Amino acid sequence: MVDDVPANRKLLARGLQRLGYSTVLAADGREAVAACDERARAYAADASGSAGPDGVGEGSRCLGLVTMDKSMPVMDGIEATRAIRASHGSLFVIVGLTGDALGDDLESFRGAGLDGVLGKPASAKEVHRAARRIT
């Protein structure tokens, strides 16, 4: 869960936890990149090579679902997505969350390599459905 607004992170995390996801919260893109790096290191150390524990990508090499806000301090969602893709390819499903899902944000997100984009506010069920369509 990557969003610079604490209430947004908590609300979506709580909903996804009810659906069986484990969550890691990040306040900006730099924290998100670090969390993905850590998850990838843990995966590499695990000889089992199983899919992510959240049910995303079962039977594939998906390490988890990242919900990415676009506008954040330190490192925005576009830059963070590019960094995650450069380091980890498609090992993470990244769904963008934006207040402008029909405008420039949509094109910016897609150009950065996101797997999908949802408008804000997005419910946990909407994020879950989007992740399922992608994987």
N, C-alpha and C. Protein backbone atom coordinates (compact mmCIF):
# COMPACT_ATOMS: atom_id res chain seq x y z
N MET A 1 0.85 -1.16 0.00
CA MET A 1 0.00 0.00 0.00
C MET A 1 0.89 1.22 0.00
N VAL A 2 0.89 1.96 -1.07
CA VAL A 2 1.75 3.14 -1.17
C VAL A 2 0.87 4.37 -1.35
N ASP A 3 0.85 5.22 -0.34
CA ASP A 3 0.06 6.45 -0.39
C ASP A 3 0.61 7.37 0.68
N ASP A 4 0.70 8.65 0.37
CA ASP A 4 1.24 9.59 1.35
C ASP A 4 0.21 10.04 2.38
N VAL A 5 -1.03 9.64 2.21
CA VAL A 5 -2.08 9.99 3.17
C VAL A 5 -2.32 8.79 4.10
N PRO A 6 -1.96 8.93 5.38
CA PRO A 6 -2.08 7.79 6.31
C PRO A 6 -3.47 7.17 6.35
N ALA A 7 -4.50 7.98 6.32
CA ALA A 7 -5.87 7.45 6.38
C ALA A 7 -6.17 6.58 5.16
N ASN A 8 -5.70 6.98 3.99
CA ASN A 8 -5.92 6.17 2.78
C ASN A 8 -5.23 4.81 2.91
N ARG A 9 -3.99 4.82 3.40
CA ARG A 9 -3.24 3.56 3.58
C ARG A 9 -3.97 2.64 4.54
N LYS A 10 -4.36 3.18 5.67
CA LYS A 10 -4.99 2.35 6.71
C LYS A 10 -6.32 1.78 6.24
N LEU A 11 -7.13 2.60 5.59
CA LEU A 11 -8.44 2.15 5.14
C LEU A 11 -8.33 1.02 4.12
N LEU A 12 -7.50 1.20 3.11
CA LEU A 12 -7.36 0.17 2.09
C LEU A 12 -6.67 -1.08 2.66
N ALA A 13 -5.68 -0.88 3.51
CA ALA A 13 -4.99 -2.02 4.12
C ALA A 13 -5.97 -2.85 4.95
N ARG A 14 -6.80 -2.20 5.71
CA ARG A 14 -7.77 -2.92 6.54
C ARG A 14 -8.71 -3.76 5.66
N GLY A 15 -9.17 -3.17 4.57
CA GLY A 15 -10.06 -3.91 3.66
C GLY A 15 -9.37 -5.08 3.00
N LEU A 16 -8.13 -4.90 2.57
CA LEU A 16 -7.40 -5.99 1.93
C LEU A 16 -7.05 -7.09 2.94
N GLN A 17 -6.78 -6.71 4.18
CA GLN A 17 -6.50 -7.71 5.21
C GLN A 17 -7.73 -8.59 5.45
N ARG A 18 -8.90 -7.99 5.39
CA ARG A 18 -10.14 -8.76 5.55
C ARG A 18 -10.31 -9.77 4.41
N LEU A 19 -9.72 -9.47 3.26
CA LEU A 19 -9.79 -10.38 2.11
C LEU A 19 -8.65 -11.40 2.10
N GLY A 20 -7.81 -11.36 3.13
CA GLY A 20 -6.75 -12.35 3.26
C GLY A 20 -5.36 -11.90 2.84
N TYR A 21 -5.21 -10.65 2.47
CA TYR A 21 -3.89 -10.13 2.09
C TYR A 21 -3.10 -9.75 3.33
N SER A 22 -1.80 -9.96 3.29
CA SER A 22 -0.93 -9.34 4.29
C SER A 22 -0.49 -8.03 3.67
N THR A 23 -0.27 -7.02 4.47
CA THR A 23 0.02 -5.71 3.90
C THR A 23 1.29 -5.11 4.49
N VAL A 24 1.95 -4.33 3.67
CA VAL A 24 3.09 -3.50 4.08
C VAL A 24 2.72 -2.10 3.64
N LEU A 25 2.86 -1.14 4.54
CA LEU A 25 2.48 0.23 4.24
C LEU A 25 3.71 1.07 3.92
N ALA A 26 3.60 1.91 2.90
CA ALA A 26 4.69 2.81 2.51
C ALA A 26 4.10 4.19 2.27
N ALA A 27 4.80 5.21 2.75
CA ALA A 27 4.31 6.59 2.65
C ALA A 27 4.77 7.30 1.38
N ASP A 28 5.72 6.71 0.65
CA ASP A 28 6.19 7.34 -0.59
C ASP A 28 6.84 6.27 -1.46
N GLY A 29 7.19 6.67 -2.66
CA GLY A 29 7.77 5.73 -3.62
C GLY A 29 9.08 5.12 -3.17
N ARG A 30 9.91 5.88 -2.49
CA ARG A 30 11.18 5.33 -2.03
C ARG A 30 10.95 4.18 -1.06
N GLU A 31 10.02 4.35 -0.14
CA GLU A 31 9.69 3.27 0.79
C GLU A 31 9.12 2.06 0.05
N ALA A 32 8.34 2.31 -1.00
CA ALA A 32 7.77 1.21 -1.78
C ALA A 32 8.86 0.41 -2.48
N VAL A 33 9.81 1.10 -3.08
CA VAL A 33 10.92 0.41 -3.77
C VAL A 33 11.70 -0.43 -2.76
N ALA A 34 11.97 0.13 -1.59
CA ALA A 34 12.70 -0.60 -0.55
C ALA A 34 11.91 -1.84 -0.10
N ALA A 35 10.60 -1.72 0.05
CA ALA A 35 9.78 -2.86 0.46
C ALA A 35 9.78 -3.95 -0.61
N CYS A 36 9.71 -3.56 -1.87
CA CYS A 36 9.75 -4.55 -2.95
C CYS A 36 11.12 -5.22 -3.02
N ASP A 37 12.18 -4.44 -2.82
CA ASP A 37 13.53 -5.02 -2.80
C ASP A 37 13.64 -6.06 -1.69
N GLU A 38 13.11 -5.72 -0.51
CA GLU A 38 13.17 -6.65 0.63
C GLU A 38 12.37 -7.92 0.34
N ARG A 39 11.20 -7.76 -0.24
CA ARG A 39 10.35 -8.92 -0.57
C ARG A 39 11.06 -9.81 -1.58
N ALA A 40 11.71 -9.21 -2.58
CA ALA A 40 12.42 -9.98 -3.59
C ALA A 40 13.62 -10.71 -2.99
N ARG A 41 14.33 -10.05 -2.07
CA ARG A 41 15.46 -10.72 -1.39
C ARG A 41 14.97 -11.92 -0.58
N ALA A 42 13.87 -11.74 0.13
CA ALA A 42 13.31 -12.85 0.92
C ALA A 42 12.88 -14.00 0.01
N TYR A 43 12.30 -13.67 -1.12
CA TYR A 43 11.87 -14.69 -2.08
C TYR A 43 13.08 -15.45 -2.62
N ALA A 44 14.13 -14.73 -2.96
CA ALA A 44 15.34 -15.36 -3.49
C ALA A 44 15.98 -16.29 -2.47
N ALA A 45 15.87 -15.94 -1.20
CA ALA A 45 16.45 -16.77 -0.14
C ALA A 45 15.61 -18.02 0.13
N ASP A 46 14.35 -18.00 -0.29
CA ASP A 46 13.45 -19.13 -0.07
C ASP A 46 13.56 -20.09 -1.26
N ALA A 47 14.05 -21.27 -1.02
CA ALA A 47 14.27 -22.24 -2.10
C ALA A 47 12.97 -22.79 -2.68
N SER A 48 11.84 -22.58 -2.00
CA SER A 48 10.59 -23.18 -2.49
C SER A 48 10.11 -22.53 -3.77
N GLY A 49 10.36 -21.24 -3.96
CA GLY A 49 9.93 -20.56 -5.18
C GLY A 49 8.44 -20.50 -5.37
N SER A 50 7.68 -20.52 -4.27
CA SER A 50 6.23 -20.49 -4.38
C SER A 50 5.74 -19.08 -4.68
N ALA A 51 4.49 -19.00 -5.06
CA ALA A 51 3.89 -17.70 -5.35
C ALA A 51 3.73 -16.90 -4.07
N GLY A 52 3.39 -15.65 -4.24
CA GLY A 52 3.16 -14.78 -3.09
C GLY A 52 2.08 -15.33 -2.18
N PRO A 53 2.18 -15.09 -0.88
CA PRO A 53 1.24 -15.67 0.08
C PRO A 53 -0.14 -15.03 0.02
N ASP A 54 -0.30 -13.98 -0.73
CA ASP A 54 -1.57 -13.27 -0.75
C ASP A 54 -2.55 -13.81 -1.77
N GLY A 55 -2.18 -14.90 -2.45
CA GLY A 55 -3.09 -15.46 -3.44
C GLY A 55 -2.98 -14.78 -4.79
N VAL A 56 -2.21 -13.71 -4.88
CA VAL A 56 -2.00 -13.04 -6.16
C VAL A 56 -0.93 -13.83 -6.89
N GLY A 57 -1.26 -14.28 -8.07
CA GLY A 57 -0.27 -14.95 -8.89
C GLY A 57 0.03 -16.37 -8.48
N GLU A 58 -0.90 -17.03 -7.80
CA GLU A 58 -0.65 -18.42 -7.44
C GLU A 58 -0.37 -19.20 -8.71
N GLY A 59 0.68 -20.03 -8.67
CA GLY A 59 1.07 -20.79 -9.83
C GLY A 59 1.97 -20.00 -10.77
N SER A 60 2.32 -18.80 -10.40
CA SER A 60 3.21 -17.98 -11.21
C SER A 60 4.28 -17.40 -10.30
N ARG A 61 5.16 -16.59 -10.86
CA ARG A 61 6.21 -15.95 -10.07
C ARG A 61 5.80 -14.53 -9.73
N CYS A 62 4.73 -14.37 -9.03
CA CYS A 62 4.28 -13.06 -8.58
C CYS A 62 4.58 -12.94 -7.10
N LEU A 63 5.31 -11.92 -6.73
CA LEU A 63 5.70 -11.76 -5.33
C LEU A 63 4.71 -10.94 -4.52
N GLY A 64 3.77 -10.32 -5.17
CA GLY A 64 2.79 -9.56 -4.41
C GLY A 64 2.13 -8.47 -5.22
N LEU A 65 1.17 -7.86 -4.60
CA LEU A 65 0.39 -6.78 -5.18
C LEU A 65 0.84 -5.46 -4.56
N VAL A 66 1.08 -4.47 -5.40
CA VAL A 66 1.44 -3.13 -4.94
C VAL A 66 0.35 -2.19 -5.42
N THR A 67 -0.26 -1.44 -4.48
CA THR A 67 -1.16 -0.36 -4.88
C THR A 67 -0.34 0.92 -4.79
N MET A 68 -0.32 1.69 -5.86
CA MET A 68 0.60 2.81 -5.99
C MET A 68 -0.14 4.12 -6.25
N ASP A 69 -0.05 5.04 -5.31
CA ASP A 69 -0.57 6.39 -5.53
C ASP A 69 0.37 7.09 -6.51
N LYS A 70 -0.12 8.06 -7.22
CA LYS A 70 0.73 8.76 -8.18
C LYS A 70 1.48 9.92 -7.55
N SER A 71 0.78 10.80 -6.89
CA SER A 71 1.38 12.03 -6.38
C SER A 71 1.78 11.87 -4.93
N MET A 72 3.10 11.77 -4.71
CA MET A 72 3.63 11.62 -3.34
C MET A 72 4.94 12.38 -3.24
N PRO A 73 5.29 12.78 -2.02
CA PRO A 73 6.59 13.44 -1.83
C PRO A 73 7.73 12.41 -1.94
N VAL A 74 8.93 12.88 -1.96
CA VAL A 74 10.16 12.08 -2.00
C VAL A 74 10.33 11.40 -3.35
N MET A 75 9.48 10.44 -3.68
CA MET A 75 9.49 9.76 -4.98
C MET A 75 8.05 9.47 -5.34
N ASP A 76 7.61 9.95 -6.52
CA ASP A 76 6.21 9.75 -6.91
C ASP A 76 5.98 8.32 -7.42
N GLY A 77 4.73 8.00 -7.68
CA GLY A 77 4.36 6.66 -8.10
C GLY A 77 4.91 6.25 -9.45
N ILE A 78 5.07 7.21 -10.35
CA ILE A 78 5.62 6.92 -11.68
C ILE A 78 7.08 6.49 -11.55
N GLU A 79 7.86 7.29 -10.84
CA GLU A 79 9.28 6.99 -10.66
C GLU A 79 9.46 5.68 -9.88
N ALA A 80 8.66 5.47 -8.87
CA ALA A 80 8.76 4.24 -8.08
C ALA A 80 8.43 3.01 -8.93
N THR A 81 7.40 3.12 -9.74
CA THR A 81 7.03 2.00 -10.61
C THR A 81 8.16 1.68 -11.58
N ARG A 82 8.74 2.70 -12.18
CA ARG A 82 9.86 2.48 -13.10
C ARG A 82 11.03 1.80 -12.38
N ALA A 83 11.32 2.22 -11.15
CA ALA A 83 12.41 1.62 -10.39
C ALA A 83 12.12 0.15 -10.06
N ILE A 84 10.89 -0.14 -9.67
CA ILE A 84 10.51 -1.53 -9.36
C ILE A 84 10.59 -2.39 -10.61
N ARG A 85 10.10 -1.88 -11.72
CA ARG A 85 10.16 -2.64 -12.98
C ARG A 85 11.61 -2.85 -13.42
N ALA A 86 12.46 -1.84 -13.25
CA ALA A 86 13.86 -1.97 -13.65
C ALA A 86 14.58 -3.03 -12.82
N SER A 87 14.26 -3.11 -11.55
CA SER A 87 14.92 -4.07 -10.66
C SER A 87 14.30 -5.45 -10.66
N HIS A 88 12.97 -5.52 -10.83
CA HIS A 88 12.27 -6.78 -10.61
C HIS A 88 11.37 -7.21 -11.76
N GLY A 89 11.39 -6.50 -12.86
CA GLY A 89 10.55 -6.89 -13.99
C GLY A 89 9.09 -6.96 -13.59
N SER A 90 8.46 -8.05 -13.93
CA SER A 90 7.03 -8.21 -13.64
C SER A 90 6.76 -9.08 -12.42
N LEU A 91 7.69 -9.14 -11.49
CA LEU A 91 7.50 -9.96 -10.29
C LEU A 91 6.44 -9.41 -9.35
N PHE A 92 6.07 -8.14 -9.52
CA PHE A 92 5.03 -7.54 -8.69
C PHE A 92 3.90 -7.06 -9.60
N VAL A 93 2.67 -7.28 -9.16
CA VAL A 93 1.51 -6.69 -9.83
C VAL A 93 1.36 -5.30 -9.23
N ILE A 94 1.39 -4.28 -10.08
CA ILE A 94 1.30 -2.90 -9.58
C ILE A 94 0.03 -2.26 -10.15
N VAL A 95 -0.86 -1.86 -9.25
CA VAL A 95 -2.10 -1.20 -9.62
C VAL A 95 -2.03 0.24 -9.13
N GLY A 96 -2.15 1.16 -10.06
CA GLY A 96 -2.12 2.58 -9.72
C GLY A 96 -3.46 3.04 -9.18
N LEU A 97 -3.38 3.96 -8.24
CA LEU A 97 -4.58 4.60 -7.69
C LEU A 97 -4.45 6.10 -7.93
N THR A 98 -5.44 6.68 -8.57
CA THR A 98 -5.36 8.09 -8.91
C THR A 98 -6.72 8.77 -8.87
N GLY A 99 -6.71 10.04 -8.63
CA GLY A 99 -7.93 10.83 -8.67
C GLY A 99 -8.30 11.24 -10.09
N ASP A 100 -7.41 10.96 -11.06
CA ASP A 100 -7.63 11.35 -12.46
C ASP A 100 -7.47 10.13 -13.37
N ALA A 101 -8.31 9.12 -13.16
CA ALA A 101 -8.17 7.85 -13.88
C ALA A 101 -8.52 7.94 -15.35
N LEU A 102 -9.03 9.05 -15.80
CA LEU A 102 -9.37 9.18 -17.22
C LEU A 102 -8.49 10.19 -17.94
N GLY A 103 -7.63 10.88 -17.22
CA GLY A 103 -6.84 11.94 -17.84
C GLY A 103 -5.39 11.57 -18.01
N ASP A 104 -4.54 12.57 -17.78
CA ASP A 104 -3.10 12.40 -17.97
C ASP A 104 -2.50 11.35 -17.04
N ASP A 105 -3.06 11.19 -15.85
CA ASP A 105 -2.52 10.20 -14.91
C ASP A 105 -2.55 8.80 -15.50
N LEU A 106 -3.61 8.48 -16.20
CA LEU A 106 -3.75 7.15 -16.78
C LEU A 106 -2.62 6.87 -17.77
N GLU A 107 -2.35 7.80 -18.65
CA GLU A 107 -1.28 7.62 -19.63
C GLU A 107 0.09 7.58 -18.96
N SER A 108 0.31 8.42 -17.96
CA SER A 108 1.58 8.43 -17.25
C SER A 108 1.82 7.09 -16.55
N PHE A 109 0.79 6.59 -15.89
CA PHE A 109 0.91 5.33 -15.20
C PHE A 109 1.19 4.18 -16.17
N ARG A 110 0.44 4.11 -17.23
CA ARG A 110 0.63 3.02 -18.19
C ARG A 110 2.02 3.09 -18.81
N GLY A 111 2.49 4.28 -19.09
CA GLY A 111 3.83 4.44 -19.65
C GLY A 111 4.93 4.00 -18.70
N ALA A 112 4.65 4.03 -17.41
CA ALA A 112 5.64 3.64 -16.40
C ALA A 112 5.67 2.13 -16.18
N GLY A 113 4.65 1.42 -16.68
CA GLY A 113 4.65 -0.03 -16.54
C GLY A 113 3.68 -0.60 -15.54
N LEU A 114 2.69 0.18 -15.14
CA LEU A 114 1.69 -0.35 -14.23
C LEU A 114 0.83 -1.39 -14.94
N ASP A 115 0.32 -2.33 -14.16
CA ASP A 115 -0.52 -3.38 -14.70
C ASP A 115 -1.98 -2.95 -14.81
N GLY A 116 -2.38 -1.96 -14.05
CA GLY A 116 -3.74 -1.48 -14.07
C GLY A 116 -3.84 -0.18 -13.31
N VAL A 117 -4.93 0.53 -13.53
CA VAL A 117 -5.16 1.81 -12.84
C VAL A 117 -6.61 1.87 -12.40
N LEU A 118 -6.81 2.27 -11.16
CA LEU A 118 -8.15 2.46 -10.61
C LEU A 118 -8.29 3.90 -10.13
N GLY A 119 -9.48 4.42 -10.23
CA GLY A 119 -9.75 5.75 -9.70
C GLY A 119 -9.93 5.71 -8.20
N LYS A 120 -9.59 6.82 -7.56
CA LYS A 120 -9.81 6.94 -6.12
C LYS A 120 -11.20 7.50 -5.88
N PRO A 121 -11.83 7.13 -4.83
CA PRO A 121 -11.41 6.11 -3.88
C PRO A 121 -11.71 4.72 -4.44
N ALA A 122 -10.80 3.79 -4.26
CA ALA A 122 -10.98 2.41 -4.70
C ALA A 122 -11.16 1.54 -3.47
N SER A 123 -12.12 0.66 -3.53
CA SER A 123 -12.34 -0.25 -2.40
C SER A 123 -11.36 -1.42 -2.49
N ALA A 124 -11.21 -2.11 -1.39
CA ALA A 124 -10.36 -3.30 -1.37
C ALA A 124 -10.87 -4.35 -2.36
N LYS A 125 -12.17 -4.48 -2.49
CA LYS A 125 -12.73 -5.45 -3.43
C LYS A 125 -12.39 -5.08 -4.87
N GLU A 126 -12.41 -3.78 -5.19
CA GLU A 126 -12.04 -3.35 -6.54
C GLU A 126 -10.57 -3.66 -6.82
N VAL A 127 -9.70 -3.41 -5.85
CA VAL A 127 -8.28 -3.71 -6.01
C VAL A 127 -8.09 -5.21 -6.19
N HIS A 128 -8.78 -6.00 -5.38
CA HIS A 128 -8.69 -7.46 -5.47
C HIS A 128 -9.13 -7.94 -6.85
N ARG A 129 -10.26 -7.44 -7.34
CA ARG A 129 -10.74 -7.84 -8.67
C ARG A 129 -9.75 -7.44 -9.76
N ALA A 130 -9.18 -6.26 -9.65
CA ALA A 130 -8.19 -5.82 -10.64
C ALA A 130 -6.98 -6.74 -10.64
N ALA A 131 -6.50 -7.10 -9.45
CA ALA A 131 -5.35 -8.00 -9.34
C ALA A 131 -5.65 -9.36 -9.95
N ARG A 132 -6.83 -9.86 -9.71
CA ARG A 132 -7.24 -11.16 -10.27
C ARG A 132 -7.30 -11.12 -11.80
N ARG A 133 -7.80 -10.02 -12.36
CA ARG A 133 -7.86 -9.90 -13.83
C ARG A 133 -6.46 -9.90 -14.43
N ILE A 134 -5.53 -9.28 -13.73
CA ILE A 134 -4.16 -9.13 -14.24
C ILE A 134 -3.40 -10.45 -14.16
N THR A 135 -3.57 -11.15 -13.06
CA THR A 135 -2.81 -12.40 -12.89
C THR A 135 -3.60 -13.49 -13.48
